[in-house]
Amino acid sequence: TEQPASKLCLALECGGSDGNSGVTANPALGVAADLLIAQGGAAVLGET
């Protein structure tokens, strides 16, 4: 059924990273995470 984006909990993960990870995909995922959080959703980062 139709549900609000606030019901999403997004796991943020990277692996097999390279020198462009912090230039392209990771900051793009950061934008997506911020957009979801602005909708009332959650994002969770790991890898201490």
ModelCIF file with pLDDT and N, C-alpha, C, O atoms, coordinates in Angstrom:
data_MODEL
#
_entry.id   MODEL 
#
_entity.id                         1 
_entity.type                       polymer 
_entity.pdbx_number_of_molecules   1 
#
_entity_poly.entity_id                      1 
_entity_poly.type                           'polypeptide(L)' 
_entity_poly.nstd_linkage                   no 
_entity_poly.nstd_monomer                   no 
_entity_poly.pdbx_seq_one_letter_code       TEQPASKLCLALECGGSDGNSGVTANPALGVAADLLIAQGGAAVLGET 
_entity_poly.pdbx_seq_one_letter_code_can   TEQPASKLCLALECGGSDGNSGVTANPALGVAADLLIAQGGAAVLGET 
_entity_poly.pdbx_strand_id                 A 
#
loop_
_entity_poly_seq.entity_id 
_entity_poly_seq.num 
_entity_poly_seq.mon_id 
_entity_poly_seq.hetero 
1 1  THR n 
1 2  GLU n 
1 3  GLN n 
1 4  PRO n 
1 5  ALA n 
1 6  SER n 
1 7  LYS n 
1 8  LEU n 
1 9  CYS n 
1 10 LEU n 
1 11 ALA n 
1 12 LEU n 
1 13 GLU n 
1 14 CYS n 
1 15 GLY n 
1 16 GLY n 
1 17 SER n 
1 18 ASP n 
1 19 GLY n 
1 20 ASN n 
1 21 SER n 
1 22 GLY n 
1 23 VAL n 
1 24 THR n 
1 25 ALA n 
1 26 ASN n 
1 27 PRO n 
1 28 ALA n 
1 29 LEU n 
1 30 GLY n 
1 31 VAL n 
1 32 ALA n 
1 33 ALA n 
1 34 ASP n 
1 35 LEU n 
1 36 LEU n 
1 37 ILE n 
1 38 ALA n 
1 39 GLN n 
1 40 GLY n 
1 41 GLY n 
1 42 ALA n 
1 43 ALA n 
1 44 VAL n 
1 45 LEU n 
1 46 GLY n 
1 47 GLU n 
1 48 THR n 
#
_struct_asym.id          A 
_struct_asym.entity_id   1 
#
loop_
_ma_qa_metric.id 
_ma_qa_metric.mode 
_ma_qa_metric.name 
_ma_qa_metric.software_group_id 
_ma_qa_metric.type 
1 global pLDDT . pLDDT 
2 local  pLDDT . pLDDT 
#
_ma_qa_metric_global.metric_id      1 
_ma_qa_metric_global.metric_value   97.10 
_ma_qa_metric_global.model_id       1 
_ma_qa_metric_global.ordinal_id     1 
#
loop_
_ma_qa_metric_local.label_asym_id 
_ma_qa_metric_local.label_comp_id 
_ma_qa_metric_local.label_seq_id 
_ma_qa_metric_local.metric_id 
_ma_qa_metric_local.metric_value 
_ma_qa_metric_local.model_id 
_ma_qa_metric_local.ordinal_id 
A THR 1  2 98.00 1 1  
A GLU 2  2 98.00 1 2  
A GLN 3  2 98.00 1 3  
A PRO 4  2 98.00 1 4  
A ALA 5  2 98.00 1 5  
A SER 6  2 98.00 1 6  
A LYS 7  2 98.00 1 7  
A LEU 8  2 98.00 1 8  
A CYS 9  2 98.00 1 9  
A LEU 10 2 98.00 1 10 
A ALA 11 2 98.00 1 11 
A LEU 12 2 98.00 1 12 
A GLU 13 2 98.00 1 13 
A CYS 14 2 97.00 1 14 
A GLY 15 2 95.00 1 15 
A GLY 16 2 94.00 1 16 
A SER 17 2 95.00 1 17 
A ASP 18 2 93.00 1 18 
A GLY 19 2 93.00 1 19 
A ASN 20 2 94.00 1 20 
A SER 21 2 95.00 1 21 
A GLY 22 2 95.00 1 22 
A VAL 23 2 95.00 1 23 
A THR 24 2 97.00 1 24 
A ALA 25 2 98.00 1 25 
A ASN 26 2 98.00 1 26 
A PRO 27 2 97.00 1 27 
A ALA 28 2 98.00 1 28 
A LEU 29 2 98.00 1 29 
A GLY 30 2 98.00 1 30 
A VAL 31 2 98.00 1 31 
A ALA 32 2 98.00 1 32 
A ALA 33 2 98.00 1 33 
A ASP 34 2 97.00 1 34 
A LEU 35 2 98.00 1 35 
A LEU 36 2 98.00 1 36 
A ILE 37 2 97.00 1 37 
A ALA 38 2 97.00 1 38 
A GLN 39 2 97.00 1 39 
A GLY 40 2 97.00 1 40 
A GLY 41 2 98.00 1 41 
A ALA 42 2 98.00 1 42 
A ALA 43 2 98.00 1 43 
A VAL 44 2 98.00 1 44 
A LEU 45 2 98.00 1 45 
A GLY 46 2 98.00 1 46 
A GLU 47 2 97.00 1 47 
A THR 48 2 97.00 1 48 
#
loop_
_atom_site.group_PDB 
_atom_site.id 
_atom_site.type_symbol 
_atom_site.label_atom_id 
_atom_site.label_alt_id 
_atom_site.label_comp_id 
_atom_site.label_asym_id 
_atom_site.label_entity_id 
_atom_site.label_seq_id 
_atom_site.pdbx_PDB_ins_code 
_atom_site.Cartn_x 
_atom_site.Cartn_y 
_atom_site.Cartn_z 
_atom_site.occupancy 
_atom_site.B_iso_or_equiv 
_atom_site.pdbx_formal_charge 
_atom_site.auth_seq_id 
_atom_site.auth_comp_id 
_atom_site.auth_asym_id 
_atom_site.auth_atom_id 
_atom_site.pdbx_PDB_model_num 
ATOM 1   N N  . THR A 1 1  ? 0.863  -1.184 0.000  1.00 98.00 ? 1  THR A N  1 
ATOM 2   C CA . THR A 1 1  ? 0.000  0.000  0.000  1.00 98.00 ? 1  THR A CA 1 
ATOM 3   C C  . THR A 1 1  ? 0.902  1.237  0.000  1.00 98.00 ? 1  THR A C  1 
ATOM 4   O O  . THR A 1 1  ? 2.095  1.146  0.286  1.00 98.00 ? 1  THR A O  1 
ATOM 5   N N  . GLU A 1 2  ? 0.323  2.380  -0.321 1.00 98.00 ? 2  GLU A N  1 
ATOM 6   C CA . GLU A 1 2  ? 1.109  3.607  -0.386 1.00 98.00 ? 2  GLU A CA 1 
ATOM 7   C C  . GLU A 1 2  ? 1.538  4.016  1.027  1.00 98.00 ? 2  GLU A C  1 
ATOM 8   O O  . GLU A 1 2  ? 0.715  4.142  1.934  1.00 98.00 ? 2  GLU A O  1 
ATOM 9   N N  . GLN A 1 3  ? 2.858  4.219  1.184  1.00 98.00 ? 3  GLN A N  1 
ATOM 10  C CA . GLN A 1 3  ? 3.410  4.535  2.495  1.00 98.00 ? 3  GLN A CA 1 
ATOM 11  C C  . GLN A 1 3  ? 4.346  5.741  2.396  1.00 98.00 ? 3  GLN A C  1 
ATOM 12  O O  . GLN A 1 3  ? 4.976  5.939  1.357  1.00 98.00 ? 3  GLN A O  1 
ATOM 13  N N  . PRO A 1 4  ? 4.452  6.544  3.447  1.00 98.00 ? 4  PRO A N  1 
ATOM 14  C CA . PRO A 1 4  ? 5.333  7.721  3.403  1.00 98.00 ? 4  PRO A CA 1 
ATOM 15  C C  . PRO A 1 4  ? 6.805  7.318  3.433  1.00 98.00 ? 4  PRO A C  1 
ATOM 16  O O  . PRO A 1 4  ? 7.169  6.297  4.018  1.00 98.00 ? 4  PRO A O  1 
ATOM 17  N N  . ALA A 1 5  ? 7.640  8.127  2.799  1.00 98.00 ? 5  ALA A N  1 
ATOM 18  C CA . ALA A 1 5  ? 9.080  7.863  2.790  1.00 98.00 ? 5  ALA A CA 1 
ATOM 19  C C  . ALA A 1 5  ? 9.662  7.863  4.195  1.00 98.00 ? 5  ALA A C  1 
ATOM 20  O O  . ALA A 1 5  ? 10.742 7.315  4.418  1.00 98.00 ? 5  ALA A O  1 
ATOM 21  N N  . SER A 1 6  ? 8.964  8.469  5.140  1.00 98.00 ? 6  SER A N  1 
ATOM 22  C CA . SER A 1 6  ? 9.431  8.481  6.533  1.00 98.00 ? 6  SER A CA 1 
ATOM 23  C C  . SER A 1 6  ? 9.522  7.084  7.123  1.00 98.00 ? 6  SER A C  1 
ATOM 24  O O  . SER A 1 6  ? 10.153 6.902  8.163  1.00 98.00 ? 6  SER A O  1 
ATOM 25  N N  . LYS A 1 7  ? 8.911  6.097  6.489  1.00 98.00 ? 7  LYS A N  1 
ATOM 26  C CA . LYS A 1 7  ? 8.954  4.718  6.977  1.00 98.00 ? 7  LYS A CA 1 
ATOM 27  C C  . LYS A 1 7  ? 10.211 3.976  6.523  1.00 98.00 ? 7  LYS A C  1 
ATOM 28  O O  . LYS A 1 7  ? 10.383 2.798  6.836  1.00 98.00 ? 7  LYS A O  1 
ATOM 29  N N  . LEU A 1 8  ? 11.089 4.660  5.787  1.00 98.00 ? 8  LEU A N  1 
ATOM 30  C CA . LEU A 1 8  ? 12.306 4.014  5.316  1.00 98.00 ? 8  LEU A CA 1 
ATOM 31  C C  . LEU A 1 8  ? 13.438 4.216  6.317  1.00 98.00 ? 8  LEU A C  1 
ATOM 32  O O  . LEU A 1 8  ? 13.613 5.297  6.879  1.00 98.00 ? 8  LEU A O  1 
ATOM 33  N N  . CYS A 1 9  ? 14.200 3.146  6.520  1.00 98.00 ? 9  CYS A N  1 
ATOM 34  C CA . CYS A 1 9  ? 15.427 3.183  7.307  1.00 98.00 ? 9  CYS A CA 1 
ATOM 35  C C  . CYS A 1 9  ? 16.542 2.743  6.372  1.00 98.00 ? 9  CYS A C  1 
ATOM 36  O O  . CYS A 1 9  ? 16.588 1.583  5.962  1.00 98.00 ? 9  CYS A O  1 
ATOM 37  N N  . LEU A 1 10 ? 17.441 3.660  6.033  1.00 98.00 ? 10 LEU A N  1 
ATOM 38  C CA . LEU A 1 10 ? 18.442 3.448  4.990  1.00 98.00 ? 10 LEU A CA 1 
ATOM 39  C C  . LEU A 1 10 ? 19.795 3.110  5.602  1.00 98.00 ? 10 LEU A C  1 
ATOM 40  O O  . LEU A 1 10 ? 20.342 3.889  6.382  1.00 98.00 ? 10 LEU A O  1 
ATOM 41  N N  . ALA A 1 11 ? 20.335 1.941  5.245  1.00 98.00 ? 11 ALA A N  1 
ATOM 42  C CA . ALA A 1 11 ? 21.682 1.563  5.666  1.00 98.00 ? 11 ALA A CA 1 
ATOM 43  C C  . ALA A 1 11 ? 22.690 2.127  4.678  1.00 98.00 ? 11 ALA A C  1 
ATOM 44  O O  . ALA A 1 11 ? 22.516 2.000  3.466  1.00 98.00 ? 11 ALA A O  1 
ATOM 45  N N  . LEU A 1 12 ? 23.753 2.755  5.198  1.00 98.00 ? 12 LEU A N  1 
ATOM 46  C CA . LEU A 1 12 ? 24.782 3.403  4.389  1.00 98.00 ? 12 LEU A CA 1 
ATOM 47  C C  . LEU A 1 12 ? 26.065 2.582  4.484  1.00 98.00 ? 12 LEU A C  1 
ATOM 48  O O  . LEU A 1 12 ? 26.633 2.444  5.567  1.00 98.00 ? 12 LEU A O  1 
ATOM 49  N N  . GLU A 1 13 ? 26.521 2.042  3.366  1.00 98.00 ? 13 GLU A N  1 
ATOM 50  C CA . GLU A 1 13 ? 27.679 1.143  3.383  1.00 98.00 ? 13 GLU A CA 1 
ATOM 51  C C  . GLU A 1 13 ? 28.576 1.416  2.186  1.00 98.00 ? 13 GLU A C  1 
ATOM 52  O O  . GLU A 1 13 ? 28.098 1.769  1.108  1.00 98.00 ? 13 GLU A O  1 
ATOM 53  N N  . CYS A 1 14 ? 29.890 1.248  2.386  1.00 97.00 ? 14 CYS A N  1 
ATOM 54  C CA . CYS A 1 14 ? 30.825 1.281  1.259  1.00 97.00 ? 14 CYS A CA 1 
ATOM 55  C C  . CYS A 1 14 ? 31.797 0.130  1.411  1.00 97.00 ? 14 CYS A C  1 
ATOM 56  O O  . CYS A 1 14 ? 32.097 -0.299 2.525  1.00 97.00 ? 14 CYS A O  1 
ATOM 57  N N  . GLY A 1 15 ? 32.287 -0.367 0.290  1.00 95.00 ? 15 GLY A N  1 
ATOM 58  C CA . GLY A 1 15 ? 33.233 -1.469 0.328  1.00 95.00 ? 15 GLY A CA 1 
ATOM 59  C C  . GLY A 1 15 ? 33.951 -1.586 -1.004 1.00 95.00 ? 15 GLY A C  1 
ATOM 60  O O  . GLY A 1 15 ? 33.415 -1.193 -2.040 1.00 95.00 ? 15 GLY A O  1 
ATOM 61  N N  . GLY A 1 16 ? 35.155 -2.122 -0.981 1.00 94.00 ? 16 GLY A N  1 
ATOM 62  C CA . GLY A 1 16 ? 35.945 -2.126 -2.201 1.00 94.00 ? 16 GLY A CA 1 
ATOM 63  C C  . GLY A 1 16 ? 36.115 -0.695 -2.685 1.00 94.00 ? 16 GLY A C  1 
ATOM 64  O O  . GLY A 1 16 ? 35.957 -0.400 -3.870 1.00 94.00 ? 16 GLY A O  1 
ATOM 65  N N  . SER A 1 17 ? 36.444 0.200  -1.735 1.00 95.00 ? 17 SER A N  1 
ATOM 66  C CA . SER A 1 17 ? 36.495 1.630  -2.050 1.00 95.00 ? 17 SER A CA 1 
ATOM 67  C C  . SER A 1 17 ? 37.746 1.977  -2.836 1.00 95.00 ? 17 SER A C  1 
ATOM 68  O O  . SER A 1 17 ? 38.738 1.249  -2.814 1.00 95.00 ? 17 SER A O  1 
ATOM 69  N N  . ASP A 1 18 ? 37.680 3.112  -3.536 1.00 93.00 ? 18 ASP A N  1 
ATOM 70  C CA . ASP A 1 18 ? 38.836 3.625  -4.271 1.00 93.00 ? 18 ASP A CA 1 
ATOM 71  C C  . ASP A 1 18 ? 38.974 5.119  -4.011 1.00 93.00 ? 18 ASP A C  1 
ATOM 72  O O  . ASP A 1 18 ? 38.229 5.696  -3.218 1.00 93.00 ? 18 ASP A O  1 
ATOM 73  N N  . GLY A 1 19 ? 39.935 5.735  -4.687 1.00 93.00 ? 19 GLY A N  1 
ATOM 74  C CA . GLY A 1 19 ? 40.194 7.146  -4.455 1.00 93.00 ? 19 GLY A CA 1 
ATOM 75  C C  . GLY A 1 19 ? 39.079 8.066  -4.869 1.00 93.00 ? 19 GLY A C  1 
ATOM 76  O O  . GLY A 1 19 ? 39.058 9.230  -4.470 1.00 93.00 ? 19 GLY A O  1 
ATOM 77  N N  . ASN A 1 20 ? 38.141 7.568  -5.667 1.00 94.00 ? 20 ASN A N  1 
ATOM 78  C CA . ASN A 1 20 ? 37.009 8.392  -6.089 1.00 94.00 ? 20 ASN A CA 1 
ATOM 79  C C  . ASN A 1 20 ? 35.758 8.165  -5.237 1.00 94.00 ? 20 ASN A C  1 
ATOM 80  O O  . ASN A 1 20 ? 34.747 8.839  -5.439 1.00 94.00 ? 20 ASN A O  1 
ATOM 81  N N  . SER A 1 21 ? 35.813 7.222  -4.286 1.00 95.00 ? 21 SER A N  1 
ATOM 82  C CA . SER A 1 21 ? 34.632 6.953  -3.456 1.00 95.00 ? 21 SER A CA 1 
ATOM 83  C C  . SER A 1 21 ? 34.166 8.211  -2.731 1.00 95.00 ? 21 SER A C  1 
ATOM 84  O O  . SER A 1 21 ? 32.971 8.499  -2.681 1.00 95.00 ? 21 SER A O  1 
ATOM 85  N N  . GLY A 1 22 ? 35.119 8.961  -2.165 1.00 95.00 ? 22 GLY A N  1 
ATOM 86  C CA . GLY A 1 22 ? 34.774 10.169 -1.439 1.00 95.00 ? 22 GLY A CA 1 
ATOM 87  C C  . GLY A 1 22 ? 34.535 11.374 -2.324 1.00 95.00 ? 22 GLY A C  1 
ATOM 88  O O  . GLY A 1 22 ? 34.227 12.461 -1.836 1.00 95.00 ? 22 GLY A O  1 
ATOM 89  N N  . VAL A 1 23 ? 34.678 11.179 -3.640 1.00 95.00 ? 23 VAL A N  1 
ATOM 90  C CA . VAL A 1 23 ? 34.477 12.264 -4.602 1.00 95.00 ? 23 VAL A CA 1 
ATOM 91  C C  . VAL A 1 23 ? 33.123 12.141 -5.294 1.00 95.00 ? 23 VAL A C  1 
ATOM 92  O O  . VAL A 1 23 ? 32.492 13.146 -5.620 1.00 95.00 ? 23 VAL A O  1 
ATOM 93  N N  . THR A 1 24 ? 32.679 10.897 -5.518 1.00 97.00 ? 24 THR A N  1 
ATOM 94  C CA . THR A 1 24 ? 31.476 10.674 -6.332 1.00 97.00 ? 24 THR A CA 1 
ATOM 95  C C  . THR A 1 24 ? 30.368 9.961  -5.555 1.00 97.00 ? 24 THR A C  1 
ATOM 96  O O  . THR A 1 24 ? 29.432 10.605 -5.083 1.00 97.00 ? 24 THR A O  1 
ATOM 97  N N  . ALA A 1 25 ? 30.468 8.642  -5.421 1.00 98.00 ? 25 ALA A N  1 
ATOM 98  C CA . ALA A 1 25 ? 29.348 7.852  -4.896 1.00 98.00 ? 25 ALA A CA 1 
ATOM 99  C C  . ALA A 1 25 ? 29.010 8.172  -3.452 1.00 98.00 ? 25 ALA A C  1 
ATOM 100 O O  . ALA A 1 25 ? 27.833 8.279  -3.107 1.00 98.00 ? 25 ALA A O  1 
ATOM 101 N N  . ASN A 1 26 ? 30.022 8.328  -2.597 1.00 98.00 ? 26 ASN A N  1 
ATOM 102 C CA . ASN A 1 26 ? 29.724 8.568  -1.187 1.00 98.00 ? 26 ASN A CA 1 
ATOM 103 C C  . ASN A 1 26 ? 29.034 9.912  -0.944 1.00 98.00 ? 26 ASN A C  1 
ATOM 104 O O  . ASN A 1 26 ? 28.024 9.948  -0.242 1.00 98.00 ? 26 ASN A O  1 
ATOM 105 N N  . PRO A 1 27 ? 29.540 11.014 -1.496 1.00 97.00 ? 27 PRO A N  1 
ATOM 106 C CA . PRO A 1 27 ? 28.788 12.269 -1.305 1.00 97.00 ? 27 PRO A CA 1 
ATOM 107 C C  . PRO A 1 27 ? 27.412 12.254 -1.960 1.00 97.00 ? 27 PRO A C  1 
ATOM 108 O O  . PRO A 1 27 ? 26.487 12.897 -1.464 1.00 97.00 ? 27 PRO A O  1 
ATOM 109 N N  . ALA A 1 28 ? 27.262 11.523 -3.080 1.00 98.00 ? 28 ALA A N  1 
ATOM 110 C CA . ALA A 1 28 ? 25.934 11.403 -3.691 1.00 98.00 ? 28 ALA A CA 1 
ATOM 111 C C  . ALA A 1 28 ? 24.989 10.654 -2.761 1.00 98.00 ? 28 ALA A C  1 
ATOM 112 O O  . ALA A 1 28 ? 23.823 11.024 -2.627 1.00 98.00 ? 28 ALA A O  1 
ATOM 113 N N  . LEU A 1 29 ? 25.497 9.587  -2.110 1.00 98.00 ? 29 LEU A N  1 
ATOM 114 C CA . LEU A 1 29 ? 24.680 8.871  -1.138 1.00 98.00 ? 29 LEU A CA 1 
ATOM 115 C C  . LEU A 1 29 ? 24.362 9.780  0.047  1.00 98.00 ? 29 LEU A C  1 
ATOM 116 O O  . LEU A 1 29 ? 23.274 9.697  0.616  1.00 98.00 ? 29 LEU A O  1 
ATOM 117 N N  . GLY A 1 30 ? 25.306 10.647 0.423  1.00 98.00 ? 30 GLY A N  1 
ATOM 118 C CA . GLY A 1 30 ? 25.038 11.611 1.486  1.00 98.00 ? 30 GLY A CA 1 
ATOM 119 C C  . GLY A 1 30 ? 23.885 12.535 1.142  1.00 98.00 ? 30 GLY A C  1 
ATOM 120 O O  . GLY A 1 30 ? 23.076 12.869 2.008  1.00 98.00 ? 30 GLY A O  1 
ATOM 121 N N  . VAL A 1 31 ? 23.804 12.951 -0.121 1.00 98.00 ? 31 VAL A N  1 
ATOM 122 C CA . VAL A 1 31 ? 22.676 13.782 -0.565 1.00 98.00 ? 31 VAL A CA 1 
ATOM 123 C C  . VAL A 1 31 ? 21.369 12.999 -0.426 1.00 98.00 ? 31 VAL A C  1 
ATOM 124 O O  . VAL A 1 31 ? 20.381 13.517 0.093  1.00 98.00 ? 31 VAL A O  1 
ATOM 125 N N  . ALA A 1 32 ? 21.373 11.743 -0.897 1.00 98.00 ? 32 ALA A N  1 
ATOM 126 C CA . ALA A 1 32 ? 20.170 10.912 -0.810 1.00 98.00 ? 32 ALA A CA 1 
ATOM 127 C C  . ALA A 1 32 ? 19.750 10.702 0.642  1.00 98.00 ? 32 ALA A C  1 
ATOM 128 O O  . ALA A 1 32 ? 18.562 10.744 0.960  1.00 98.00 ? 32 ALA A O  1 
ATOM 129 N N  . ALA A 1 33 ? 20.737 10.472 1.531  1.00 98.00 ? 33 ALA A N  1 
ATOM 130 C CA . ALA A 1 33 ? 20.424 10.281 2.951  1.00 98.00 ? 33 ALA A CA 1 
ATOM 131 C C  . ALA A 1 33 ? 19.800 11.545 3.541  1.00 98.00 ? 33 ALA A C  1 
ATOM 132 O O  . ALA A 1 33 ? 18.828 11.469 4.293  1.00 98.00 ? 33 ALA A O  1 
ATOM 133 N N  . ASP A 1 34 ? 20.359 12.705 3.199  1.00 97.00 ? 34 ASP A N  1 
ATOM 134 C CA . ASP A 1 34 ? 19.791 13.970 3.696  1.00 97.00 ? 34 ASP A CA 1 
ATOM 135 C C  . ASP A 1 34 ? 18.361 14.174 3.193  1.00 97.00 ? 34 ASP A C  1 
ATOM 136 O O  . ASP A 1 34 ? 17.496 14.640 3.935  1.00 97.00 ? 34 ASP A O  1 
ATOM 137 N N  . LEU A 1 35 ? 18.120 13.823 1.933  1.00 98.00 ? 35 LEU A N  1 
ATOM 138 C CA . LEU A 1 35 ? 16.770 13.958 1.371  1.00 98.00 ? 35 LEU A CA 1 
ATOM 139 C C  . LEU A 1 35 ? 15.783 13.054 2.107  1.00 98.00 ? 35 LEU A C  1 
ATOM 140 O O  . LEU A 1 35 ? 14.651 13.454 2.376  1.00 98.00 ? 35 LEU A O  1 
ATOM 141 N N  . LEU A 1 36 ? 16.214 11.838 2.430  1.00 98.00 ? 36 LEU A N  1 
ATOM 142 C CA . LEU A 1 36 ? 15.338 10.920 3.150  1.00 98.00 ? 36 LEU A CA 1 
ATOM 143 C C  . LEU A 1 36 ? 15.078 11.416 4.568  1.00 98.00 ? 36 LEU A C  1 
ATOM 144 O O  . LEU A 1 36 ? 13.943 11.367 5.041  1.00 98.00 ? 36 LEU A O  1 
ATOM 145 N N  . ILE A 1 37 ? 16.114 11.890 5.247  1.00 97.00 ? 37 ILE A N  1 
ATOM 146 C CA . ILE A 1 37 ? 15.956 12.390 6.610  1.00 97.00 ? 37 ILE A CA 1 
ATOM 147 C C  . ILE A 1 37 ? 15.022 13.603 6.621  1.00 97.00 ? 37 ILE A C  1 
ATOM 148 O O  . ILE A 1 37 ? 14.235 13.772 7.553  1.00 97.00 ? 37 ILE A O  1 
ATOM 149 N N  . ALA A 1 38 ? 15.107 14.444 5.589  1.00 97.00 ? 38 ALA A N  1 
ATOM 150 C CA . ALA A 1 38 ? 14.206 15.596 5.487  1.00 97.00 ? 38 ALA A CA 1 
ATOM 151 C C  . ALA A 1 38 ? 12.754 15.158 5.328  1.00 97.00 ? 38 ALA A C  1 
ATOM 152 O O  . ALA A 1 38 ? 11.837 15.918 5.640  1.00 97.00 ? 38 ALA A O  1 
ATOM 153 N N  . GLN A 1 39 ? 12.541 13.929 4.841  1.00 97.00 ? 39 GLN A N  1 
ATOM 154 C CA . GLN A 1 39 ? 11.193 13.368 4.719  1.00 97.00 ? 39 GLN A CA 1 
ATOM 155 C C  . GLN A 1 39 ? 10.715 12.729 6.029  1.00 97.00 ? 39 GLN A C  1 
ATOM 156 O O  . GLN A 1 39 ? 9.579  12.262 6.119  1.00 97.00 ? 39 GLN A O  1 
ATOM 157 N N  . GLY A 1 40 ? 11.588 12.713 7.042  1.00 97.00 ? 40 GLY A N  1 
ATOM 158 C CA . GLY A 1 40 ? 11.238 12.083 8.309  1.00 97.00 ? 40 GLY A CA 1 
ATOM 159 C C  . GLY A 1 40 ? 11.749 10.675 8.445  1.00 97.00 ? 40 GLY A C  1 
ATOM 160 O O  . GLY A 1 40 ? 11.401 9.983  9.402  1.00 97.00 ? 40 GLY A O  1 
ATOM 161 N N  . GLY A 1 41 ? 12.582 10.222 7.492  1.00 98.00 ? 41 GLY A N  1 
ATOM 162 C CA . GLY A 1 41 ? 13.135 8.880  7.536  1.00 98.00 ? 41 GLY A CA 1 
ATOM 163 C C  . GLY A 1 41 ? 14.404 8.814  8.356  1.00 98.00 ? 41 GLY A C  1 
ATOM 164 O O  . GLY A 1 41 ? 14.834 9.803  8.950  1.00 98.00 ? 41 GLY A O  1 
ATOM 165 N N  . ALA A 1 42 ? 15.005 7.617  8.378  1.00 98.00 ? 42 ALA A N  1 
ATOM 166 C CA . ALA A 1 42 ? 16.229 7.392  9.144  1.00 98.00 ? 42 ALA A CA 1 
ATOM 167 C C  . ALA A 1 42 ? 17.326 6.882  8.227  1.00 98.00 ? 42 ALA A C  1 
ATOM 168 O O  . ALA A 1 42 ? 17.056 6.223  7.222  1.00 98.00 ? 42 ALA A O  1 
ATOM 169 N N  . ALA A 1 43 ? 18.564 7.191  8.582  1.00 98.00 ? 43 ALA A N  1 
ATOM 170 C CA . ALA A 1 43 ? 19.734 6.644  7.898  1.00 98.00 ? 43 ALA A CA 1 
ATOM 171 C C  . ALA A 1 43 ? 20.712 6.202  8.960  1.00 98.00 ? 43 ALA A C  1 
ATOM 172 O O  . ALA A 1 43 ? 20.865 6.874  9.980  1.00 98.00 ? 43 ALA A O  1 
ATOM 173 N N  . VAL A 1 44 ? 21.385 5.070  8.737  1.00 98.00 ? 44 VAL A N  1 
ATOM 174 C CA . VAL A 1 44 ? 22.299 4.538  9.749  1.00 98.00 ? 44 VAL A CA 1 
ATOM 175 C C  . VAL A 1 44 ? 23.629 4.192  9.097  1.00 98.00 ? 44 VAL A C  1 
ATOM 176 O O  . VAL A 1 44 ? 23.690 3.461  8.108  1.00 98.00 ? 44 VAL A O  1 
ATOM 177 N N  . LEU A 1 45 ? 24.684 4.736  9.674  1.00 98.00 ? 45 LEU A N  1 
ATOM 178 C CA . LEU A 1 45 ? 26.058 4.548  9.223  1.00 98.00 ? 45 LEU A CA 1 
ATOM 179 C C  . LEU A 1 45 ? 26.761 3.621  10.195 1.00 98.00 ? 45 LEU A C  1 
ATOM 180 O O  . LEU A 1 45 ? 26.492 3.673  11.395 1.00 98.00 ? 45 LEU A O  1 
ATOM 181 N N  . GLY A 1 46 ? 27.656 2.774  9.705  1.00 98.00 ? 46 GLY A N  1 
ATOM 182 C CA . GLY A 1 46 ? 28.423 1.876  10.559 1.00 98.00 ? 46 GLY A CA 1 
ATOM 183 C C  . GLY A 1 46 ? 29.910 1.977  10.271 1.00 98.00 ? 46 GLY A C  1 
ATOM 184 O O  . GLY A 1 46 ? 30.396 3.018  9.828  1.00 98.00 ? 46 GLY A O  1 
ATOM 185 N N  . GLU A 1 47 ? 30.638 0.883  10.526 1.00 97.00 ? 47 GLU A N  1 
ATOM 186 C CA . GLU A 1 47 ? 32.072 0.768  10.228 1.00 97.00 ? 47 GLU A CA 1 
ATOM 187 C C  . GLU A 1 47 ? 32.912 1.705  11.095 1.00 97.00 ? 47 GLU A C  1 
ATOM 188 O O  . GLU A 1 47 ? 33.554 2.626  10.590 1.00 97.00 ? 47 GLU A O  1 
ATOM 189 N N  . THR A 1 48 ? 32.900 1.459  12.402 1.00 97.00 ? 48 THR A N  1 
ATOM 190 C CA . THR A 1 48 ? 33.644 2.311  13.329 1.00 97.00 ? 48 THR A CA 1 
ATOM 191 C C  . THR A 1 48 ? 35.123 2.384  12.969 1.00 97.00 ? 48 THR A C  1 
ATOM 192 O O  . THR A 1 48 ? 35.891 3.061  13.652 1.00 97.00 ? 48 THR A O  1 
#
